[in-house]
Amino acid sequence: MATTCTEVCKTSPVPVRLWDLSAQGVERGPKRLGLRSKLSEPSLQAIAFAPDETRLAAAYGYVAELWDLTQPDPPASLVGSYASGGGWIKTLDISADGRWLALGSLNSNDVRLWRLAGDPGEPRGPIILSGHDAPLKAVRFGGDGRWLASAAADGSLNLWDLARSVLRPTQLRGHDLSIAALRFSPGADPGHLLSWGQGEFARLWRLV
């Protein structure tokens, strides 16, 4: 489990705390992790594990860092640093196959998709996914990394099939207000997507 800070980040040299839930007693206390880059903003807006728990992405201000959790000091084993392209990073996620990192920021209507693994000849990114008319609030990968859902402040919800050569969104209409969070059902080929937000009932979408 990882926790982070809000307004106290600038006064704390260890803005991320990593908890080993399998440990016992005093060993269960958190490992305190400082950022490798200088903290330019007072809070961390987003944090996410890779599904296999070998990597952790932490976003602060306009930059997200990806850390290798198999190393004793993850921030010192920086996998990569990724820019928002505009505004504070509000949301991020890592695909289950370890191939992609998706970012959404407060001042951008686009998803920025960074390639973490694949053919060495393929461009690292970012790939810009356009399809919203308001800033991003949530991004979430589903299954083995084929599916990506993105949601915005105007209630728009898009589903992306990353297996296609041309990335165009399927729009899911049903929300009128800002969407706060997204979850796919478990499994390599998820059948459902759950979305919820401000002042509304959650929406359950059947994908197959």
C-alpha atoms as a PDB file:
ATOM      1  CA  MET A   1       0.000   0.000   0.000  1.00  0.00           C
ATOM      2  CA  ALA A   2       1.233   3.514  -0.790  1.00  0.00           C
ATOM      3  CA  THR A   3       0.131   6.794   0.766  1.00  0.00           C
ATOM      4  CA  THR A   4       1.042  10.334  -0.126  1.00  0.00           C
ATOM      5  CA  CYS A   5       0.572  13.901   1.085  1.00  0.00           C
ATOM      6  CA  THR A   6      -1.317  17.066   0.232  1.00  0.00           C
ATOM      7  CA  GLU A   7      -0.349  20.517   1.480  1.00  0.00           C
ATOM      8  CA  VAL A   8       2.503  19.264   3.705  1.00  0.00           C
ATOM      9  CA  CYS A   9       4.549  17.910   0.805  1.00  0.00           C
ATOM     10  CA  LYS A  10       6.853  20.909   0.573  1.00  0.00           C
ATOM     11  CA  THR A  11       7.799  20.608   4.239  1.00  0.00           C
ATOM     12  CA  SER A  12       8.239  16.825   4.146  1.00  0.00           C
ATOM     13  CA  PRO A  13      11.317  15.207   2.585  1.00  0.00           C
ATOM     14  CA  VAL A  14       9.415  11.908   2.297  1.00  0.00           C
ATOM     15  CA  PRO A  15       6.114  12.600   0.490  1.00  0.00           C
ATOM     16  CA  VAL A  16       5.458   8.916  -0.329  1.00  0.00           C
ATOM     17  CA  ARG A  17       5.164   6.137   2.244  1.00  0.00           C
ATOM     18  CA  LEU A  18       5.212   2.512   1.130  1.00  0.00           C
ATOM     19  CA  TRP A  19       3.629  -0.114   3.398  1.00  0.00           C
ATOM     20  CA  ASP A  20       4.436  -3.833   3.209  1.00  0.00           C
ATOM     21  CA  LEU A  21       1.144  -5.475   4.227  1.00  0.00           C
ATOM     22  CA  SER A  22       2.718  -8.940   4.305  1.00  0.00           C
ATOM     23  CA  ALA A  23       5.200  -7.947   7.023  1.00  0.00           C
ATOM     24  CA  GLN A  24       4.625  -8.355  10.756  1.00  0.00           C
ATOM     25  CA  GLY A  25       5.223  -6.139  13.785  1.00  0.00           C
ATOM     26  CA  VAL A  26       7.636  -3.261  13.540  1.00  0.00           C
ATOM     27  CA  GLU A  27       8.679  -4.338  10.019  1.00  0.00           C
ATOM     28  CA  ARG A  28       5.212  -3.390   8.883  1.00  0.00           C
ATOM     29  CA  GLY A  29       5.987   0.317   9.316  1.00  0.00           C
ATOM     30  CA  PRO A  30       6.236   2.330   6.110  1.00  0.00           C
ATOM     31  CA  LYS A  31       9.293   2.814   3.986  1.00  0.00           C
ATOM     32  CA  ARG A  32       9.604   6.579   3.516  1.00  0.00           C
ATOM     33  CA  LEU A  33      10.450   7.591  -0.029  1.00  0.00           C
ATOM     34  CA  GLY A  34      11.624  10.978  -1.282  1.00  0.00           C
ATOM     35  CA  LEU A  35      11.219  12.137  -4.860  1.00  0.00           C
ATOM     36  CA  ARG A  36      14.291  12.144  -7.057  1.00  0.00           C
ATOM     37  CA  SER A  37      13.309  15.393  -8.751  1.00  0.00           C
ATOM     38  CA  LYS A  38      12.687  18.640  -6.883  1.00  0.00           C
ATOM     39  CA  LEU A  39       9.110  18.940  -5.640  1.00  0.00           C
ATOM     40  CA  SER A  40       7.727  22.038  -7.367  1.00  0.00           C
ATOM     41  CA  GLU A  41       4.111  21.833  -6.127  1.00  0.00           C
ATOM     42  CA  PRO A  42       2.641  21.478  -2.600  1.00  0.00           C
ATOM     43  CA  SER A  43       0.811  18.202  -3.177  1.00  0.00           C
ATOM     44  CA  LEU A  44       0.828  14.901  -5.006  1.00  0.00           C
ATOM     45  CA  GLN A  45      -2.368  14.493  -7.013  1.00  0.00           C
ATOM     46  CA  ALA A  46      -2.088  10.892  -8.224  1.00  0.00           C
ATOM     47  CA  ILE A  47      -0.330   7.631  -7.402  1.00  0.00           C
ATOM     48  CA  ALA A  48      -0.729   4.137  -8.883  1.00  0.00           C
ATOM     49  CA  PHE A  49       0.814   0.662  -8.652  1.00  0.00           C
ATOM     50  CA  ALA A  50       1.483  -1.591 -11.596  1.00  0.00           C
ATOM     51  CA  PRO A  51      -0.796  -4.650 -11.175  1.00  0.00           C
ATOM     52  CA  ASP A  52       2.221  -6.891 -10.477  1.00  0.00           C
ATOM     53  CA  GLU A  53       3.396  -4.417  -7.795  1.00  0.00           C
ATOM     54  CA  THR A  54       6.893  -4.094  -9.294  1.00  0.00           C
ATOM     55  CA  ARG A  55       6.450  -0.425 -10.218  1.00  0.00           C
ATOM     56  CA  LEU A  56       4.889   2.654  -8.677  1.00  0.00           C
ATOM     57  CA  ALA A  57       3.983   5.867 -10.484  1.00  0.00           C
ATOM     58  CA  ALA A  58       3.782   9.082  -8.446  1.00  0.00           C
ATOM     59  CA  ALA A  59       2.628  12.393  -9.930  1.00  0.00           C
ATOM     60  CA  TYR A  60       3.473  15.765  -8.448  1.00  0.00           C
ATOM     61  CA  GLY A  61       2.746  18.959 -10.315  1.00  0.00           C
ATOM     62  CA  TYR A  62       3.493  18.596 -13.996  1.00  0.00           C
ATOM     63  CA  VAL A  63       5.638  15.438 -13.813  1.00  0.00           C
ATOM     64  CA  ALA A  64       5.088  11.753 -13.046  1.00  0.00           C
ATOM     65  CA  GLU A  65       7.935   9.523 -11.901  1.00  0.00           C
ATOM     66  CA  LEU A  66       7.943   5.753 -12.371  1.00  0.00           C
ATOM     67  CA  TRP A  67       9.871   3.776  -9.742  1.00  0.00           C
ATOM     68  CA  ASP A  68      11.197   0.223  -9.642  1.00  0.00           C
ATOM     69  CA  LEU A  69       9.856  -1.314  -6.414  1.00  0.00           C
ATOM     70  CA  THR A  70      12.123  -4.356  -6.674  1.00  0.00           C
ATOM     71  CA  GLN A  71      15.051  -2.125  -5.658  1.00  0.00           C
ATOM     72  CA  PRO A  72      15.914  -1.143  -2.058  1.00  0.00           C
ATOM     73  CA  ASP A  73      15.547   2.564  -2.851  1.00  0.00           C
ATOM     74  CA  PRO A  74      12.862   2.856  -5.579  1.00  0.00           C
ATOM     75  CA  PRO A  75      13.251   6.606  -6.304  1.00  0.00           C
ATOM     76  CA  ALA A  76      16.976   6.066  -6.879  1.00  0.00           C
ATOM     77  CA  SER A  77      16.043   3.411  -9.458  1.00  0.00           C
ATOM     78  CA  LEU A  78      13.985   5.777 -11.574  1.00  0.00           C
ATOM     79  CA  VAL A  79      12.461   4.001 -14.589  1.00  0.00           C
ATOM     80  CA  GLY A  80      11.355   7.225 -16.242  1.00  0.00           C
ATOM     81  CA  SER A  81       9.968  10.736 -15.862  1.00  0.00           C
ATOM     82  CA  TYR A  82       6.870  11.776 -17.833  1.00  0.00           C
ATOM     83  CA  ALA A  83       5.460  15.262 -18.447  1.00  0.00           C
ATOM     84  CA  SER A  84       1.787  16.219 -18.283  1.00  0.00           C
ATOM     85  CA  GLY A  85       1.816  18.518 -21.302  1.00  0.00           C
ATOM     86  CA  GLY A  86      -0.297  21.070 -19.450  1.00  0.00           C
ATOM     87  CA  GLY A  87      -1.453  21.503 -15.878  1.00  0.00           C
ATOM     88  CA  TRP A  88      -1.123  19.371 -12.773  1.00  0.00           C
ATOM     89  CA  ILE A  89      -1.415  15.657 -13.337  1.00  0.00           C
ATOM     90  CA  LYS A  90      -4.727  14.679 -11.770  1.00  0.00           C
ATOM     91  CA  THR A  91      -4.924  10.986 -12.671  1.00  0.00           C
ATOM     92  CA  LEU A  92      -2.667   8.191 -13.936  1.00  0.00           C
ATOM     93  CA  ASP A  93      -2.614   4.426 -14.362  1.00  0.00           C
ATOM     94  CA  ILE A  94      -0.253   1.641 -15.481  1.00  0.00           C
ATOM     95  CA  SER A  95      -1.498  -1.147 -17.750  1.00  0.00           C
ATOM     96  CA  ALA A  96      -1.437  -4.739 -16.492  1.00  0.00           C
ATOM     97  CA  ASP A  97       1.007  -5.827 -19.195  1.00  0.00           C
ATOM     98  CA  GLY A  98       3.432  -3.065 -18.178  1.00  0.00           C
ATOM     99  CA  ARG A  99       3.323  -1.595 -21.669  1.00  0.00           C
ATOM    100  CA  TRP A 100       1.568   1.737 -21.066  1.00  0.00           C
ATOM    101  CA  LEU A 101       1.349   4.678 -18.670  1.00  0.00           C
ATOM    102  CA  ALA A 102      -1.690   6.957 -19.095  1.00  0.00           C
ATOM    103  CA  LEU A 103      -1.826  10.517 -17.706  1.00  0.00           C
ATOM    104  CA  GLY A 104      -4.627  13.070 -17.417  1.00  0.00           C
ATOM    105  CA  SER A 105      -4.138  16.649 -16.217  1.00  0.00           C
ATOM    106  CA  LEU A 106      -6.296  19.482 -14.932  1.00  0.00           C
ATOM    107  CA  ASN A 107      -5.610  21.880 -17.818  1.00  0.00           C
ATOM    108  CA  SER A 108      -5.822  19.424 -20.705  1.00  0.00           C
ATOM    109  CA  ASN A 109      -8.706  17.640 -22.435  1.00  0.00           C
ATOM    110  CA  ASP A 110      -6.412  14.929 -23.823  1.00  0.00           C
ATOM    111  CA  VAL A 111      -5.027  11.665 -22.476  1.00  0.00           C
ATOM    112  CA  ARG A 112      -1.259  11.355 -22.794  1.00  0.00           C
ATOM    113  CA  LEU A 113      -0.262   7.727 -23.390  1.00  0.00           C
ATOM    114  CA  TRP A 114       3.392   6.816 -22.800  1.00  0.00           C
ATOM    115  CA  ARG A 115       4.891   3.542 -24.036  1.00  0.00           C
ATOM    116  CA  LEU A 116       6.854   1.783 -21.274  1.00  0.00           C
ATOM    117  CA  ALA A 117       7.652  -1.470 -23.093  1.00  0.00           C
ATOM    118  CA  GLY A 118       7.508  -2.940 -26.580  1.00  0.00           C
ATOM    119  CA  ASP A 119       9.561  -2.927 -29.771  1.00  0.00           C
ATOM    120  CA  PRO A 120      12.702  -0.791 -29.241  1.00  0.00           C
ATOM    121  CA  GLY A 121      11.990   0.845 -32.595  1.00  0.00           C
ATOM    122  CA  GLU A 122       8.569   2.088 -31.516  1.00  0.00           C
ATOM    123  CA  PRO A 123       8.317   5.725 -30.363  1.00  0.00           C
ATOM    124  CA  ARG A 124       8.165   6.197 -26.600  1.00  0.00           C
ATOM    125  CA  GLY A 125       5.476   8.831 -26.837  1.00  0.00           C
ATOM    126  CA  PRO A 126       3.458  10.479 -25.776  1.00  0.00           C
ATOM    127  CA  ILE A 127       0.529   9.423 -27.938  1.00  0.00           C
ATOM    128  CA  ILE A 128      -2.175  12.079 -27.604  1.00  0.00           C
ATOM    129  CA  LEU A 129      -5.725  10.694 -27.288  1.00  0.00           C
ATOM    130  CA  SER A 130      -8.263  13.423 -28.065  1.00  0.00           C
ATOM    131  CA  GLY A 131     -11.970  12.944 -27.468  1.00  0.00           C
ATOM    132  CA  HIS A 132     -13.017  15.063 -24.490  1.00  0.00           C
ATOM    133  CA  ASP A 133     -14.140  18.691 -24.260  1.00  0.00           C
ATOM    134  CA  ALA A 134     -13.195  19.158 -20.589  1.00  0.00           C
ATOM    135  CA  PRO A 135     -10.200  18.378 -18.345  1.00  0.00           C
ATOM    136  CA  LEU A 136      -9.520  14.756 -17.450  1.00  0.00           C
ATOM    137  CA  LYS A 137     -10.605  13.437 -14.058  1.00  0.00           C
ATOM    138  CA  ALA A 138      -9.895   9.698 -14.301  1.00  0.00           C
ATOM    139  CA  VAL A 139      -8.032   7.184 -16.479  1.00  0.00           C
ATOM    140  CA  ARG A 140      -8.117   3.434 -15.958  1.00  0.00           C
ATOM    141  CA  PHE A 141      -6.724   0.399 -17.793  1.00  0.00           C
ATOM    142  CA  GLY A 142      -8.694  -2.835 -18.008  1.00  0.00           C
ATOM    143  CA  GLY A 143      -7.849  -6.451 -18.658  1.00  0.00           C
ATOM    144  CA  ASP A 144      -4.359  -7.248 -19.883  1.00  0.00           C
ATOM    145  CA  GLY A 145      -3.794  -3.683 -21.094  1.00  0.00           C
ATOM    146  CA  ARG A 146      -5.974  -3.681 -24.193  1.00  0.00           C
ATOM    147  CA  TRP A 147      -8.647  -1.347 -22.813  1.00  0.00           C
ATOM    148  CA  LEU A 148      -8.352   2.200 -21.482  1.00  0.00           C
ATOM    149  CA  ALA A 149     -11.230   4.249 -20.098  1.00  0.00           C
ATOM    150  CA  SER A 150     -10.998   8.018 -19.685  1.00  0.00           C
ATOM    151  CA  ALA A 151     -13.454  10.370 -17.979  1.00  0.00           C
ATOM    152  CA  ALA A 152     -13.709  14.153 -17.816  1.00  0.00           C
ATOM    153  CA  ALA A 153     -15.191  16.985 -15.779  1.00  0.00           C
ATOM    154  CA  ASP A 154     -18.159  17.386 -18.153  1.00  0.00           C
ATOM    155  CA  GLY A 155     -19.353  13.795 -17.606  1.00  0.00           C
ATOM    156  CA  SER A 156     -17.954  12.440 -20.858  1.00  0.00           C
ATOM    157  CA  LEU A 157     -16.648   8.868 -20.761  1.00  0.00           C
ATOM    158  CA  ASN A 158     -14.548   7.283 -23.509  1.00  0.00           C
ATOM    159  CA  LEU A 159     -13.440   3.685 -24.072  1.00  0.00           C
ATOM    160  CA  TRP A 160     -10.259   3.091 -26.090  1.00  0.00           C
ATOM    161  CA  ASP A 161      -9.203  -0.197 -27.713  1.00  0.00           C
ATOM    162  CA  LEU A 162      -5.387  -0.060 -27.694  1.00  0.00           C
ATOM    163  CA  ALA A 163      -5.150  -3.168 -29.900  1.00  0.00           C
ATOM    164  CA  ARG A 164      -6.358  -1.141 -32.888  1.00  0.00           C
ATOM    165  CA  SER A 165      -3.933   0.564 -35.237  1.00  0.00           C
ATOM    166  CA  VAL A 166      -6.084   3.712 -35.273  1.00  0.00           C
ATOM    167  CA  LEU A 167      -7.137   4.863 -31.813  1.00  0.00           C
ATOM    168  CA  ARG A 168     -10.658   6.268 -31.818  1.00  0.00           C
ATOM    169  CA  PRO A 169     -12.858   6.408 -28.703  1.00  0.00           C
ATOM    170  CA  THR A 170     -16.188   4.743 -28.157  1.00  0.00           C
ATOM    171  CA  GLN A 171     -18.281   7.281 -26.262  1.00  0.00           C
ATOM    172  CA  LEU A 172     -20.353   6.017 -23.332  1.00  0.00           C
ATOM    173  CA  ARG A 173     -23.169   8.463 -22.577  1.00  0.00           C
ATOM    174  CA  GLY A 174     -24.983   8.510 -19.242  1.00  0.00           C
ATOM    175  CA  HIS A 175     -23.296  10.989 -16.890  1.00  0.00           C
ATOM    176  CA  ASP A 176     -24.249  14.658 -16.656  1.00  0.00           C
ATOM    177  CA  LEU A 177     -21.719  15.724 -14.018  1.00  0.00           C
ATOM    178  CA  SER A 178     -18.016  15.232 -13.425  1.00  0.00           C
ATOM    179  CA  ILE A 179     -16.826  11.609 -13.230  1.00  0.00           C
ATOM    180  CA  ALA A 180     -14.477  10.924 -10.315  1.00  0.00           C
ATOM    181  CA  ALA A 181     -13.374   7.302 -10.742  1.00  0.00           C
ATOM    182  CA  LEU A 182     -13.457   4.228 -12.992  1.00  0.00           C
ATOM    183  CA  ARG A 183     -13.065   0.477 -12.406  1.00  0.00           C
ATOM    184  CA  PHE A 184     -13.060  -2.448 -14.835  1.00  0.00           C
ATOM    185  CA  SER A 185     -14.260  -5.861 -13.744  1.00  0.00           C
ATOM    186  CA  PRO A 186     -11.427  -8.381 -13.135  1.00  0.00           C
ATOM    187  CA  GLY A 187      -9.969 -10.608 -15.818  1.00  0.00           C
ATOM    188  CA  ALA A 188      -8.017 -10.406 -19.049  1.00  0.00           C
ATOM    189  CA  ASP A 189     -11.159  -9.581 -21.034  1.00  0.00           C
ATOM    190  CA  PRO A 190     -13.376  -7.496 -18.725  1.00  0.00           C
ATOM    191  CA  GLY A 191     -17.110  -7.528 -19.321  1.00  0.00           C
ATOM    192  CA  HIS A 192     -18.037  -4.465 -17.270  1.00  0.00           C
ATOM    193  CA  LEU A 193     -16.893  -0.940 -16.464  1.00  0.00           C
ATOM    194  CA  LEU A 194     -18.042   0.950 -13.364  1.00  0.00           C
ATOM    195  CA  SER A 195     -18.049   4.759 -13.286  1.00  0.00           C
ATOM    196  CA  TRP A 196     -19.139   7.224 -10.617  1.00  0.00           C
ATOM    197  CA  GLY A 197     -18.858  10.904  -9.823  1.00  0.00           C
ATOM    198  CA  GLN A 198     -20.430  13.956  -8.278  1.00  0.00           C
ATOM    199  CA  GLY A 199     -24.007  13.820  -7.015  1.00  0.00           C
ATOM    200  CA  GLU A 200     -25.040  10.854  -9.143  1.00  0.00           C
ATOM    201  CA  PHE A 201     -25.624   7.147  -8.980  1.00  0.00           C
ATOM    202  CA  ALA A 202     -22.786   4.927 -10.176  1.00  0.00           C
ATOM    203  CA  ARG A 203     -23.119   3.630 -13.731  1.00  0.00           C
ATOM    204  CA  LEU A 204     -22.388   0.000 -14.684  1.00  0.00           C
ATOM    205  CA  TRP A 205     -21.532  -0.473 -18.360  1.00  0.00           C
ATOM    206  CA  ARG A 206     -21.709  -3.838 -20.097  1.00  0.00           C
ATOM    207  CA  LEU A 207     -18.826  -4.090 -22.562  1.00  0.00           C
ATOM    208  CA  VAL A 208     -19.575  -7.479 -24.192  1.00  0.00           C
END
